[in-house]
Amino acid sequence: MTKSPLQAAGESPAALPAGYASIHGGIVDVLDAARRATARSVNALMTASYWEIGRRIVEAEQQGKRRAGYGEQLIERLSADLTAQFGRGFSRPNLQQMRSFFLTWPIRQTVSSESSAAPSPGRSLLTQGRPSQLDVLAQVFPLPWSAYVRLLAIKDDHARSFYEAEALRGGWSVRQLDRQIGSQFYERTALSKDKAAMLVKGAAPTPEDAVRPDDAIKDPYVLEFLNLKDEYSESDLEAALIQRLEDFLLELGEGFTFVGRQRRLRIDQTWYRVDLLFFHRRLRCLVIIDLKLGSLSHADVGQMLMYCNYAKEHWAYSDENPPVGLILCADKGHALAVMSQ
């Protein structure tokens, strides 16, 4: 029988101090509340920072607009320099997303008495990077950055405003926002004869919408912003291979160098993970390995091709050959190699 948290230390319920369950439950509530507050604070400051980065990029582009290709060169150089200095999260697509965020959500007025005066031309709410001003800017964006990323993908201004307003009103999690967008909640509400009832029904969360404090803290965007590693538990197959990495490399053949595992990548608005990543010294190319416990499917091949094309554009150096993908299937020992296009 699985022990309850109250018996984790091997104590029987009778040996526990009087009122322990109440004390333990209260502490759990405090920690959960603190983690939620931490996630909200980090998300708000992260979103404010990204808006400000977007503003500065747009302002720089406007000053250099007479030069052909200036905007692309600016983002390319910023991506390289910021990644070298701060780590992940500053790829070209991410910086372009910050630029779009600023253009889509222009600030019309300040939200604090500390910044009641309108910013002067060429200035923003964030003056000289002062933290107090960053806090003021953070108040303008109450949703987490992940939510704004989802909203940016909506091209219709009215639909975007609708989902933003309903997410704020209903306190939607990002999962709930995803579900509502996917179910075309805006279109269904617009066509409904009883819009009020539709809104009430749509605001009700499902069990799948629930988010634990740990989920918010482990949001890939938050991990990138804080430049934290995000190692999670892998499949038994992958763990076994990692534990016997030396033997596995010998089985693969000469020239393989281990690069990493569970390497994360984002395509459009979806996050994926590469099980294992190697570099082949003789072939001078990255080798992506995907582990499958079941049988091989066409979807697996298409996904690996997508991984290879992404790695070719974002991970490989210019003097390297195109990445190669290798799908290993536990079922019947099948293996398939895929190359980027």
C-alpha atoms as a PDB file:
ATOM      1  CA  MET A   1       0.000   0.000   0.000  1.00  0.00           C
ATOM      2  CA  THR A   2       1.316   3.448  -0.916  1.00  0.00           C
ATOM      3  CA  LYS A   3       2.124   5.628   2.062  1.00  0.00           C
ATOM      4  CA  SER A   4       0.477   8.993   2.445  1.00  0.00           C
ATOM      5  CA  PRO A   5       2.631  12.123   2.808  1.00  0.00           C
ATOM      6  CA  LEU A   6       1.925  12.010   6.532  1.00  0.00           C
ATOM      7  CA  GLN A   7       3.585   8.589   6.724  1.00  0.00           C
ATOM      8  CA  ALA A   8       6.544   9.427   4.509  1.00  0.00           C
ATOM      9  CA  ALA A   9       8.985   9.330   7.428  1.00  0.00           C
ATOM     10  CA  GLY A  10       7.802   5.922   8.544  1.00  0.00           C
ATOM     11  CA  GLU A  11       5.586   7.284  11.325  1.00  0.00           C
ATOM     12  CA  SER A  12       2.247   5.741  12.087  1.00  0.00           C
ATOM     13  CA  PRO A  13      -0.730   8.128  12.290  1.00  0.00           C
ATOM     14  CA  ALA A  14      -0.949   7.532  16.048  1.00  0.00           C
ATOM     15  CA  ALA A  15       2.645   8.730  16.547  1.00  0.00           C
ATOM     16  CA  LEU A  16       2.065  12.053  14.824  1.00  0.00           C
ATOM     17  CA  PRO A  17       1.798  15.198  16.963  1.00  0.00           C
ATOM     18  CA  ALA A  18      -1.689  16.444  17.691  1.00  0.00           C
ATOM     19  CA  GLY A  19      -3.006  18.628  14.907  1.00  0.00           C
ATOM     20  CA  TYR A  20      -0.198  17.603  12.528  1.00  0.00           C
ATOM     21  CA  ALA A  21      -2.513  17.154   9.543  1.00  0.00           C
ATOM     22  CA  SER A  22      -3.747  20.726   9.930  1.00  0.00           C
ATOM     23  CA  ILE A  23      -0.202  22.083  10.279  1.00  0.00           C
ATOM     24  CA  HIS A  24       1.017  20.093   7.272  1.00  0.00           C
ATOM     25  CA  GLY A  25      -1.950  21.175   5.152  1.00  0.00           C
ATOM     26  CA  GLY A  26      -1.439  24.809   6.079  1.00  0.00           C
ATOM     27  CA  ILE A  27       2.238  24.695   5.114  1.00  0.00           C
ATOM     28  CA  VAL A  28       1.355  23.066   1.786  1.00  0.00           C
ATOM     29  CA  ASP A  29      -1.116  25.891   1.128  1.00  0.00           C
ATOM     30  CA  VAL A  30       1.553  28.501   1.951  1.00  0.00           C
ATOM     31  CA  LEU A  31       4.095  26.889  -0.381  1.00  0.00           C
ATOM     32  CA  ASP A  32       1.564  26.487  -3.194  1.00  0.00           C
ATOM     33  CA  ALA A  33       0.551  30.135  -2.845  1.00  0.00           C
ATOM     34  CA  ALA A  34       4.192  31.237  -2.800  1.00  0.00           C
ATOM     35  CA  ARG A  35       4.985  29.237  -5.925  1.00  0.00           C
ATOM     36  CA  ARG A  36       1.999  30.649  -7.755  1.00  0.00           C
ATOM     37  CA  ALA A  37       2.998  34.171  -6.724  1.00  0.00           C
ATOM     38  CA  THR A  38       6.577  33.505  -7.846  1.00  0.00           C
ATOM     39  CA  ALA A  39       5.395  32.239 -11.223  1.00  0.00           C
ATOM     40  CA  ARG A  40       3.107  35.258 -11.674  1.00  0.00           C
ATOM     41  CA  SER A  41       5.886  37.675 -10.724  1.00  0.00           C
ATOM     42  CA  VAL A  42       8.457  36.094 -13.025  1.00  0.00           C
ATOM     43  CA  ASN A  43       5.955  35.935 -15.881  1.00  0.00           C
ATOM     44  CA  ALA A  44       4.936  39.579 -15.455  1.00  0.00           C
ATOM     45  CA  LEU A  45       8.527  40.843 -15.398  1.00  0.00           C
ATOM     46  CA  MET A  46       9.477  38.568 -18.284  1.00  0.00           C
ATOM     47  CA  THR A  47       6.567  39.832 -20.381  1.00  0.00           C
ATOM     48  CA  ALA A  48       7.416  43.454 -19.561  1.00  0.00           C
ATOM     49  CA  SER A  49      11.050  42.855 -20.517  1.00  0.00           C
ATOM     50  CA  TYR A  50      10.075  41.275 -23.824  1.00  0.00           C
ATOM     51  CA  TRP A  51       7.737  44.164 -24.638  1.00  0.00           C
ATOM     52  CA  GLU A  52      10.555  46.615 -23.942  1.00  0.00           C
ATOM     53  CA  ILE A  53      12.992  44.600 -26.073  1.00  0.00           C
ATOM     54  CA  GLY A  54      10.447  44.667 -28.900  1.00  0.00           C
ATOM     55  CA  ARG A  55      10.042  48.428 -28.516  1.00  0.00           C
ATOM     56  CA  ARG A  56      13.780  48.997 -28.760  1.00  0.00           C
ATOM     57  CA  ILE A  57      14.069  46.779 -31.821  1.00  0.00           C
ATOM     58  CA  VAL A  58      11.255  48.644 -33.596  1.00  0.00           C
ATOM     59  CA  GLU A  59      12.733  52.011 -32.637  1.00  0.00           C
ATOM     60  CA  ALA A  60      16.156  50.969 -33.954  1.00  0.00           C
ATOM     61  CA  GLU A  61      14.585  49.691 -37.177  1.00  0.00           C
ATOM     62  CA  GLN A  62      12.832  53.016 -37.716  1.00  0.00           C
ATOM     63  CA  GLN A  63      16.099  54.893 -37.294  1.00  0.00           C
ATOM     64  CA  GLY A  64      17.891  52.631 -39.758  1.00  0.00           C
ATOM     65  CA  LYS A  65      15.046  51.962 -42.185  1.00  0.00           C
ATOM     66  CA  ARG A  66      16.883  53.562 -45.102  1.00  0.00           C
ATOM     67  CA  ARG A  67      19.488  50.814 -45.043  1.00  0.00           C
ATOM     68  CA  ALA A  68      18.492  47.696 -46.976  1.00  0.00           C
ATOM     69  CA  GLY A  69      18.147  44.645 -44.757  1.00  0.00           C
ATOM     70  CA  TYR A  70      18.901  46.605 -41.594  1.00  0.00           C
ATOM     71  CA  GLY A  71      16.124  44.978 -39.565  1.00  0.00           C
ATOM     72  CA  GLU A  72      17.247  41.437 -40.397  1.00  0.00           C
ATOM     73  CA  GLN A  73      20.876  42.279 -39.660  1.00  0.00           C
ATOM     74  CA  LEU A  74      19.901  43.869 -36.356  1.00  0.00           C
ATOM     75  CA  ILE A  75      17.935  40.850 -35.155  1.00  0.00           C
ATOM     76  CA  GLU A  76      20.617  38.451 -36.382  1.00  0.00           C
ATOM     77  CA  ARG A  77      23.349  40.252 -34.432  1.00  0.00           C
ATOM     78  CA  LEU A  78      21.195  40.745 -31.332  1.00  0.00           C
ATOM     79  CA  SER A  79      20.315  37.055 -31.329  1.00  0.00           C
ATOM     80  CA  ALA A  80      23.970  36.020 -31.393  1.00  0.00           C
ATOM     81  CA  ASP A  81      25.117  38.522 -28.763  1.00  0.00           C
ATOM     82  CA  LEU A  82      22.208  38.057 -26.338  1.00  0.00           C
ATOM     83  CA  THR A  83      22.423  34.269 -26.568  1.00  0.00           C
ATOM     84  CA  ALA A  84      26.140  34.408 -25.793  1.00  0.00           C
ATOM     85  CA  GLN A  85      25.533  36.687 -22.812  1.00  0.00           C
ATOM     86  CA  PHE A  86      22.227  35.435 -21.373  1.00  0.00           C
ATOM     87  CA  GLY A  87      21.744  31.926 -22.761  1.00  0.00           C
ATOM     88  CA  ARG A  88      18.594  30.545 -24.333  1.00  0.00           C
ATOM     89  CA  GLY A  89      15.489  32.424 -25.340  1.00  0.00           C
ATOM     90  CA  PHE A  90      16.897  34.961 -27.795  1.00  0.00           C
ATOM     91  CA  SER A  91      16.735  33.160 -31.118  1.00  0.00           C
ATOM     92  CA  ARG A  92      15.740  35.113 -34.212  1.00  0.00           C
ATOM     93  CA  PRO A  93      12.119  33.851 -34.080  1.00  0.00           C
ATOM     94  CA  ASN A  94      11.893  34.804 -30.396  1.00  0.00           C
ATOM     95  CA  LEU A  95      13.194  38.329 -31.018  1.00  0.00           C
ATOM     96  CA  GLN A  96      10.816  38.722 -33.952  1.00  0.00           C
ATOM     97  CA  GLN A  97       8.030  37.609 -31.625  1.00  0.00           C
ATOM     98  CA  MET A  98       8.989  40.313 -29.114  1.00  0.00           C
ATOM     99  CA  ARG A  99       8.914  42.839 -31.928  1.00  0.00           C
ATOM    100  CA  SER A 100       5.427  41.674 -32.925  1.00  0.00           C
ATOM    101  CA  PHE A 101       4.341  41.790 -29.287  1.00  0.00           C
ATOM    102  CA  PHE A 102       5.239  45.472 -29.026  1.00  0.00           C
ATOM    103  CA  LEU A 103       3.485  46.302 -32.293  1.00  0.00           C
ATOM    104  CA  THR A 104       0.355  44.357 -31.310  1.00  0.00           C
ATOM    105  CA  TRP A 105       0.084  45.700 -27.744  1.00  0.00           C
ATOM    106  CA  PRO A 106       1.099  49.376 -27.814  1.00  0.00           C
ATOM    107  CA  ILE A 107       0.796  50.993 -24.394  1.00  0.00           C
ATOM    108  CA  ARG A 108      -1.693  53.827 -24.465  1.00  0.00           C
ATOM    109  CA  GLN A 109      -1.210  55.145 -20.944  1.00  0.00           C
ATOM    110  CA  THR A 110       0.699  54.491 -17.759  1.00  0.00           C
ATOM    111  CA  VAL A 111      -0.816  52.539 -14.918  1.00  0.00           C
ATOM    112  CA  SER A 112       0.935  53.962 -11.888  1.00  0.00           C
ATOM    113  CA  SER A 113       1.097  57.322 -10.157  1.00  0.00           C
ATOM    114  CA  GLU A 114       4.866  56.904 -10.233  1.00  0.00           C
ATOM    115  CA  SER A 115       4.667  57.200 -14.009  1.00  0.00           C
ATOM    116  CA  SER A 116       1.624  59.436 -14.377  1.00  0.00           C
ATOM    117  CA  ALA A 117       3.402  61.746 -16.769  1.00  0.00           C
ATOM    118  CA  ALA A 118       3.334  60.670 -20.393  1.00  0.00           C
ATOM    119  CA  PRO A 119       6.694  59.381 -21.654  1.00  0.00           C
ATOM    120  CA  SER A 120       8.622  61.848 -23.748  1.00  0.00           C
ATOM    121  CA  PRO A 121       9.305  61.045 -27.419  1.00  0.00           C
ATOM    122  CA  GLY A 122      11.823  58.260 -27.805  1.00  0.00           C
ATOM    123  CA  ARG A 123      11.369  57.172 -24.195  1.00  0.00           C
ATOM    124  CA  SER A 124       9.356  54.333 -22.670  1.00  0.00           C
ATOM    125  CA  LEU A 125       7.956  53.446 -19.286  1.00  0.00           C
ATOM    126  CA  LEU A 126      11.217  51.629 -18.700  1.00  0.00           C
ATOM    127  CA  THR A 127      13.703  54.449 -18.158  1.00  0.00           C
ATOM    128  CA  GLN A 128      17.354  53.472 -17.961  1.00  0.00           C
ATOM    129  CA  GLY A 129      16.346  49.960 -16.971  1.00  0.00           C
ATOM    130  CA  ARG A 130      15.236  50.913 -13.456  1.00  0.00           C
ATOM    131  CA  PRO A 131      13.513  47.950 -11.735  1.00  0.00           C
ATOM    132  CA  SER A 132      10.732  50.163 -10.338  1.00  0.00           C
ATOM    133  CA  GLN A 133       9.788  51.202 -13.859  1.00  0.00           C
ATOM    134  CA  LEU A 134       9.923  47.586 -15.017  1.00  0.00           C
ATOM    135  CA  ASP A 135       7.460  46.722 -12.247  1.00  0.00           C
ATOM    136  CA  VAL A 136       5.144  49.471 -13.509  1.00  0.00           C
ATOM    137  CA  LEU A 137       5.338  48.133 -17.040  1.00  0.00           C
ATOM    138  CA  ALA A 138       4.650  44.607 -15.776  1.00  0.00           C
ATOM    139  CA  GLN A 139       1.262  45.741 -14.442  1.00  0.00           C
ATOM    140  CA  VAL A 140       0.092  46.403 -17.991  1.00  0.00           C
ATOM    141  CA  PHE A 141       0.356  42.705 -18.930  1.00  0.00           C
ATOM    142  CA  PRO A 142      -1.560  40.529 -16.436  1.00  0.00           C
ATOM    143  CA  LEU A 143      -1.453  37.365 -18.542  1.00  0.00           C
ATOM    144  CA  PRO A 144       1.604  35.067 -18.662  1.00  0.00           C
ATOM    145  CA  TRP A 145       3.937  35.348 -21.634  1.00  0.00           C
ATOM    146  CA  SER A 146       2.813  31.925 -22.893  1.00  0.00           C
ATOM    147  CA  ALA A 147      -0.709  33.325 -23.244  1.00  0.00           C
ATOM    148  CA  TYR A 148       0.483  36.308 -25.271  1.00  0.00           C
ATOM    149  CA  VAL A 149       2.406  33.936 -27.543  1.00  0.00           C
ATOM    150  CA  ARG A 150      -0.851  32.058 -28.208  1.00  0.00           C
ATOM    151  CA  LEU A 151      -2.712  35.327 -28.784  1.00  0.00           C
ATOM    152  CA  LEU A 152      -0.067  36.593 -31.216  1.00  0.00           C
ATOM    153  CA  ALA A 153      -0.840  33.629 -33.469  1.00  0.00           C
ATOM    154  CA  ILE A 154      -4.433  34.898 -33.900  1.00  0.00           C
ATOM    155  CA  LYS A 155      -4.530  37.190 -36.930  1.00  0.00           C
ATOM    156  CA  ASP A 156      -8.037  38.578 -36.423  1.00  0.00           C
ATOM    157  CA  ASP A 157      -7.870  41.591 -34.093  1.00  0.00           C
ATOM    158  CA  HIS A 158     -11.415  41.117 -32.785  1.00  0.00           C
ATOM    159  CA  ALA A 159     -10.858  37.440 -32.019  1.00  0.00           C
ATOM    160  CA  ARG A 160      -7.566  38.204 -30.286  1.00  0.00           C
ATOM    161  CA  SER A 161      -9.149  40.901 -28.136  1.00  0.00           C
ATOM    162  CA  PHE A 162     -12.034  38.564 -27.290  1.00  0.00           C
ATOM    163  CA  TYR A 163      -9.764  35.758 -26.086  1.00  0.00           C
ATOM    164  CA  GLU A 164      -7.587  38.183 -24.134  1.00  0.00           C
ATOM    165  CA  ALA A 165     -10.614  39.710 -22.387  1.00  0.00           C
ATOM    166  CA  GLU A 166     -12.172  36.328 -21.594  1.00  0.00           C
ATOM    167  CA  ALA A 167      -8.864  34.935 -20.315  1.00  0.00           C
ATOM    168  CA  LEU A 168      -8.603  37.893 -17.949  1.00  0.00           C
ATOM    169  CA  ARG A 169     -12.247  37.753 -16.888  1.00  0.00           C
ATOM    170  CA  GLY A 170     -12.308  34.014 -16.347  1.00  0.00           C
ATOM    171  CA  GLY A 171      -8.784  33.599 -15.014  1.00  0.00           C
ATOM    172  CA  TRP A 172      -8.025  31.065 -17.732  1.00  0.00           C
ATOM    173  CA  SER A 173      -4.873  29.013 -17.586  1.00  0.00           C
ATOM    174  CA  VAL A 174      -2.806  28.796 -20.769  1.00  0.00           C
ATOM    175  CA  ARG A 175      -4.151  25.278 -21.279  1.00  0.00           C
ATOM    176  CA  GLN A 176      -7.706  26.570 -21.088  1.00  0.00           C
ATOM    177  CA  LEU A 177      -6.872  29.375 -23.512  1.00  0.00           C
ATOM    178  CA  ASP A 178      -5.393  26.811 -25.904  1.00  0.00           C
ATOM    179  CA  ARG A 179      -8.508  24.680 -25.654  1.00  0.00           C
ATOM    180  CA  GLN A 180     -10.853  27.604 -26.251  1.00  0.00           C
ATOM    181  CA  ILE A 181      -8.902  28.806 -29.277  1.00  0.00           C
ATOM    182  CA  GLY A 182      -8.795  25.275 -30.672  1.00  0.00           C
ATOM    183  CA  SER A 183     -12.554  24.863 -30.207  1.00  0.00           C
ATOM    184  CA  GLN A 184     -13.226  28.189 -32.002  1.00  0.00           C
ATOM    185  CA  PHE A 185     -14.939  29.605 -28.928  1.00  0.00           C
ATOM    186  CA  TYR A 186     -14.958  33.109 -30.432  1.00  0.00           C
ATOM    187  CA  GLU A 187     -16.725  32.001 -33.601  1.00  0.00           C
ATOM    188  CA  ARG A 188     -19.212  29.816 -31.704  1.00  0.00           C
ATOM    189  CA  THR A 189     -20.031  32.655 -29.314  1.00  0.00           C
ATOM    190  CA  ALA A 190     -20.537  35.096 -32.190  1.00  0.00           C
ATOM    191  CA  LEU A 191     -23.027  32.700 -33.816  1.00  0.00           C
ATOM    192  CA  SER A 192     -24.832  31.825 -30.582  1.00  0.00           C
ATOM    193  CA  LYS A 193     -28.266  33.297 -29.902  1.00  0.00           C
ATOM    194  CA  ASP A 194     -27.594  33.296 -26.160  1.00  0.00           C
ATOM    195  CA  LYS A 195     -24.124  34.791 -25.937  1.00  0.00           C
ATOM    196  CA  ALA A 196     -24.277  35.287 -22.163  1.00  0.00           C
ATOM    197  CA  ALA A 197     -24.982  31.610 -21.549  1.00  0.00           C
ATOM    198  CA  MET A 198     -22.262  30.667 -24.009  1.00  0.00           C
ATOM    199  CA  LEU A 199     -19.715  32.794 -22.157  1.00  0.00           C
ATOM    200  CA  VAL A 200     -20.674  31.285 -18.809  1.00  0.00           C
ATOM    201  CA  LYS A 201     -20.402  27.767 -20.192  1.00  0.00           C
ATOM    202  CA  GLY A 202     -17.094  28.501 -21.892  1.00  0.00           C
ATOM    203  CA  ALA A 203     -15.563  29.948 -18.734  1.00  0.00           C
ATOM    204  CA  ALA A 204     -16.004  26.669 -16.859  1.00  0.00           C
ATOM    205  CA  PRO A 205     -12.639  24.870 -16.688  1.00  0.00           C
ATOM    206  CA  THR A 206     -12.190  21.169 -17.360  1.00  0.00           C
ATOM    207  CA  PRO A 207      -9.922  18.845 -15.333  1.00  0.00           C
ATOM    208  CA  GLU A 208      -7.371  19.048 -18.146  1.00  0.00           C
ATOM    209  CA  ASP A 209      -7.127  22.821 -17.683  1.00  0.00           C
ATOM    210  CA  ALA A 210      -5.812  22.554 -14.126  1.00  0.00           C
ATOM    211  CA  VAL A 211      -2.262  23.811 -13.654  1.00  0.00           C
ATOM    212  CA  ARG A 212      -0.102  23.038 -10.643  1.00  0.00           C
ATOM    213  CA  PRO A 213       2.351  25.657  -9.330  1.00  0.00           C
ATOM    214  CA  ASP A 214       5.234  23.484 -10.578  1.00  0.00           C
ATOM    215  CA  ASP A 215       3.787  23.574 -14.099  1.00  0.00           C
ATOM    216  CA  ALA A 216       3.852  27.370 -14.147  1.00  0.00           C
ATOM    217  CA  ILE A 217       7.418  27.513 -12.870  1.00  0.00           C
ATOM    218  CA  LYS A 218       8.545  24.885 -15.409  1.00  0.00           C
ATOM    219  CA  ASP A 219       6.944  26.743 -18.315  1.00  0.00           C
ATOM    220  CA  PRO A 220       9.543  26.502 -21.122  1.00  0.00           C
ATOM    221  CA  TYR A 221       9.410  30.276 -21.619  1.00  0.00           C
ATOM    222  CA  VAL A 222      10.144  30.881 -17.922  1.00  0.00           C
ATOM    223  CA  LEU A 223      13.019  28.402 -18.000  1.00  0.00           C
ATOM    224  CA  GLU A 224      14.467  30.167 -21.029  1.00  0.00           C
ATOM    225  CA  PHE A 225      14.066  33.593 -19.427  1.00  0.00           C
ATOM    226  CA  LEU A 226      15.877  32.444 -16.268  1.00  0.00           C
ATOM    227  CA  ASN A 227      18.349  30.377 -18.338  1.00  0.00           C
ATOM    228  CA  LEU A 228      17.592  27.288 -16.255  1.00  0.00           C
ATOM    229  CA  LYS A 229      17.972  23.686 -17.290  1.00  0.00           C
ATOM    230  CA  ASP A 230      14.788  21.678 -17.603  1.00  0.00           C
ATOM    231  CA  GLU A 231      15.672  18.031 -17.166  1.00  0.00           C
ATOM    232  CA  TYR A 232      12.632  15.810 -16.691  1.00  0.00           C
ATOM    233  CA  SER A 233      12.231  12.074 -16.280  1.00  0.00           C
ATOM    234  CA  GLU A 234      12.780  10.209 -19.565  1.00  0.00           C
ATOM    235  CA  SER A 235      11.463   6.880 -20.764  1.00  0.00           C
ATOM    236  CA  ASP A 236      12.957   3.685 -19.400  1.00  0.00           C
ATOM    237  CA  LEU A 237      14.480   3.028 -22.812  1.00  0.00           C
ATOM    238  CA  GLU A 238      16.289   6.359 -22.934  1.00  0.00           C
ATOM    239  CA  ALA A 239      17.413   6.114 -19.306  1.00  0.00           C
ATOM    240  CA  ALA A 240      18.840   2.667 -19.967  1.00  0.00           C
ATOM    241  CA  LEU A 241      20.747   3.930 -22.999  1.00  0.00           C
ATOM    242  CA  ILE A 242      22.143   6.885 -21.074  1.00  0.00           C
ATOM    243  CA  GLN A 243      23.277   4.634 -18.224  1.00  0.00           C
ATOM    244  CA  ARG A 244      25.129   2.501 -20.756  1.00  0.00           C
ATOM    245  CA  LEU A 245      26.221   5.409 -22.934  1.00  0.00           C
ATOM    246  CA  GLU A 246      29.707   4.050 -23.582  1.00  0.00           C
ATOM    247  CA  ASP A 247      28.375   0.713 -24.835  1.00  0.00           C
ATOM    248  CA  PHE A 248      25.711   2.500 -26.873  1.00  0.00           C
ATOM    249  CA  LEU A 249      28.323   4.687 -28.597  1.00  0.00           C
ATOM    250  CA  LEU A 250      30.382   1.614 -29.426  1.00  0.00           C
ATOM    251  CA  GLU A 251      27.288  -0.001 -30.919  1.00  0.00           C
ATOM    252  CA  LEU A 252      26.678   3.074 -33.069  1.00  0.00           C
ATOM    253  CA  GLY A 253      30.204   2.935 -34.433  1.00  0.00           C
ATOM    254  CA  GLU A 254      33.298   5.113 -34.486  1.00  0.00           C
ATOM    255  CA  GLY A 255      33.029   8.896 -34.635  1.00  0.00           C
ATOM    256  CA  PHE A 256      29.958   9.613 -32.489  1.00  0.00           C
ATOM    257  CA  THR A 257      30.222  12.308 -29.815  1.00  0.00           C
ATOM    258  CA  PHE A 258      27.429  12.771 -27.285  1.00  0.00           C
ATOM    259  CA  VAL A 259      25.939  16.307 -27.318  1.00  0.00           C
ATOM    260  CA  GLY A 260      22.858  16.079 -25.100  1.00  0.00           C
ATOM    261  CA  ARG A 261      19.460  14.587 -24.408  1.00  0.00           C
ATOM    262  CA  GLN A 262      15.920  15.948 -24.265  1.00  0.00           C
ATOM    263  CA  ARG A 263      17.031  18.924 -26.366  1.00  0.00           C
ATOM    264  CA  ARG A 264      14.051  21.240 -26.625  1.00  0.00           C
ATOM    265  CA  LEU A 265      12.904  23.055 -29.777  1.00  0.00           C
ATOM    266  CA  ARG A 266       9.901  25.156 -30.712  1.00  0.00           C
ATOM    267  CA  ILE A 267       8.190  25.057 -34.108  1.00  0.00           C
ATOM    268  CA  ASP A 268       5.389  27.596 -34.510  1.00  0.00           C
ATOM    269  CA  GLN A 269       3.721  27.544 -31.072  1.00  0.00           C
ATOM    270  CA  THR A 270       4.467  23.903 -30.221  1.00  0.00           C
ATOM    271  CA  TRP A 271       7.345  22.578 -28.100  1.00  0.00           C
ATOM    272  CA  TYR A 272       9.106  19.317 -28.984  1.00  0.00           C
ATOM    273  CA  ARG A 273      11.980  17.349 -27.494  1.00  0.00           C
ATOM    274  CA  VAL A 274      14.773  15.474 -29.211  1.00  0.00           C
ATOM    275  CA  ASP A 275      15.584  12.311 -27.256  1.00  0.00           C
ATOM    276  CA  LEU A 276      19.318  12.158 -27.988  1.00  0.00           C
ATOM    277  CA  LEU A 277      21.655  14.436 -29.929  1.00  0.00           C
ATOM    278  CA  PHE A 278      25.087  13.389 -31.200  1.00  0.00           C
ATOM    279  CA  PHE A 279      27.748  14.795 -33.505  1.00  0.00           C
ATOM    280  CA  HIS A 280      29.546  12.529 -35.976  1.00  0.00           C
ATOM    281  CA  ARG A 281      33.143  13.655 -36.367  1.00  0.00           C
ATOM    282  CA  ARG A 282      33.839  11.912 -39.664  1.00  0.00           C
ATOM    283  CA  LEU A 283      30.562  12.882 -41.326  1.00  0.00           C
ATOM    284  CA  ARG A 284      30.707  16.338 -39.720  1.00  0.00           C
ATOM    285  CA  CYS A 285      27.005  16.481 -39.000  1.00  0.00           C
ATOM    286  CA  LEU A 286      24.559  16.374 -36.117  1.00  0.00           C
ATOM    287  CA  VAL A 287      22.804  13.057 -35.554  1.00  0.00           C
ATOM    288  CA  ILE A 288      19.344  13.161 -33.961  1.00  0.00           C
ATOM    289  CA  ILE A 289      18.118   9.954 -32.358  1.00  0.00           C
ATOM    290  CA  ASP A 290      14.449   9.414 -31.581  1.00  0.00           C
ATOM    291  CA  LEU A 291      13.485   6.450 -29.424  1.00  0.00           C
ATOM    292  CA  LYS A 292      10.207   4.613 -30.000  1.00  0.00           C
ATOM    293  CA  LEU A 293       8.846   1.863 -27.780  1.00  0.00           C
ATOM    294  CA  GLY A 294       6.188   0.868 -30.308  1.00  0.00           C
ATOM    295  CA  SER A 295       6.282   0.215 -34.037  1.00  0.00           C
ATOM    296  CA  LEU A 296       7.408   2.754 -36.619  1.00  0.00           C
ATOM    297  CA  SER A 297       4.745   4.993 -38.179  1.00  0.00           C
ATOM    298  CA  HIS A 298       4.640   7.551 -40.989  1.00  0.00           C
ATOM    299  CA  ALA A 299       4.038  10.237 -38.352  1.00  0.00           C
ATOM    300  CA  ASP A 300       7.343   9.304 -36.694  1.00  0.00           C
ATOM    301  CA  VAL A 301       9.167   9.750 -39.997  1.00  0.00           C
ATOM    302  CA  GLY A 302       7.528  13.117 -40.640  1.00  0.00           C
ATOM    303  CA  GLN A 303       8.374  14.316 -37.144  1.00  0.00           C
ATOM    304  CA  MET A 304      12.013  13.294 -37.521  1.00  0.00           C
ATOM    305  CA  LEU A 305      12.233  15.111 -40.852  1.00  0.00           C
ATOM    306  CA  MET A 306      10.877  18.185 -39.087  1.00  0.00           C
ATOM    307  CA  TYR A 307      13.546  17.818 -36.373  1.00  0.00           C
ATOM    308  CA  CYS A 308      16.304  17.520 -38.974  1.00  0.00           C
ATOM    309  CA  ASN A 309      15.155  20.595 -40.879  1.00  0.00           C
ATOM    310  CA  TYR A 310      14.972  22.589 -37.634  1.00  0.00           C
ATOM    311  CA  ALA A 311      18.440  21.424 -36.569  1.00  0.00           C
ATOM    312  CA  LYS A 312      19.834  22.347 -39.977  1.00  0.00           C
ATOM    313  CA  GLU A 313      18.549  25.911 -39.633  1.00  0.00           C
ATOM    314  CA  HIS A 314      19.090  26.553 -35.926  1.00  0.00           C
ATOM    315  CA  TRP A 315      21.687  24.144 -34.488  1.00  0.00           C
ATOM    316  CA  ALA A 316      24.139  23.250 -37.253  1.00  0.00           C
ATOM    317  CA  TYR A 317      27.104  25.464 -38.100  1.00  0.00           C
ATOM    318  CA  SER A 318      27.567  26.746 -41.630  1.00  0.00           C
ATOM    319  CA  ASP A 319      30.549  24.466 -42.316  1.00  0.00           C
ATOM    320  CA  GLU A 320      28.730  21.301 -41.214  1.00  0.00           C
ATOM    321  CA  ASN A 321      26.825  18.836 -43.346  1.00  0.00           C
ATOM    322  CA  PRO A 322      23.018  18.556 -43.014  1.00  0.00           C
ATOM    323  CA  PRO A 323      21.820  16.740 -39.869  1.00  0.00           C
ATOM    324  CA  VAL A 324      20.842  13.090 -39.990  1.00  0.00           C
ATOM    325  CA  GLY A 325      17.970  11.574 -38.018  1.00  0.00           C
ATOM    326  CA  LEU A 326      17.921   8.024 -36.701  1.00  0.00           C
ATOM    327  CA  ILE A 327      14.703   6.456 -35.378  1.00  0.00           C
ATOM    328  CA  LEU A 328      15.262   3.436 -33.131  1.00  0.00           C
ATOM    329  CA  CYS A 329      12.233   1.252 -32.433  1.00  0.00           C
ATOM    330  CA  ALA A 330      12.151  -1.248 -29.582  1.00  0.00           C
ATOM    331  CA  ASP A 331       9.433  -3.170 -31.420  1.00  0.00           C
ATOM    332  CA  LYS A 332      11.168  -5.772 -33.643  1.00  0.00           C
ATOM    333  CA  GLY A 333      14.395  -3.748 -33.526  1.00  0.00           C
ATOM    334  CA  HIS A 334      13.527  -1.537 -36.474  1.00  0.00           C
ATOM    335  CA  ALA A 335      15.725   1.431 -37.324  1.00  0.00           C
ATOM    336  CA  LEU A 336      15.335   4.140 -39.951  1.00  0.00           C
ATOM    337  CA  ALA A 337      17.606   6.988 -41.009  1.00  0.00           C
ATOM    338  CA  VAL A 338      16.189  10.345 -42.114  1.00  0.00           C
ATOM    339  CA  MET A 339      18.039  13.329 -43.615  1.00  0.00           C
ATOM    340  CA  SER A 340      17.061  16.994 -43.671  1.00  0.00           C
ATOM    341  CA  GLN A 341      15.851  18.436 -46.965  1.00  0.00           C
END
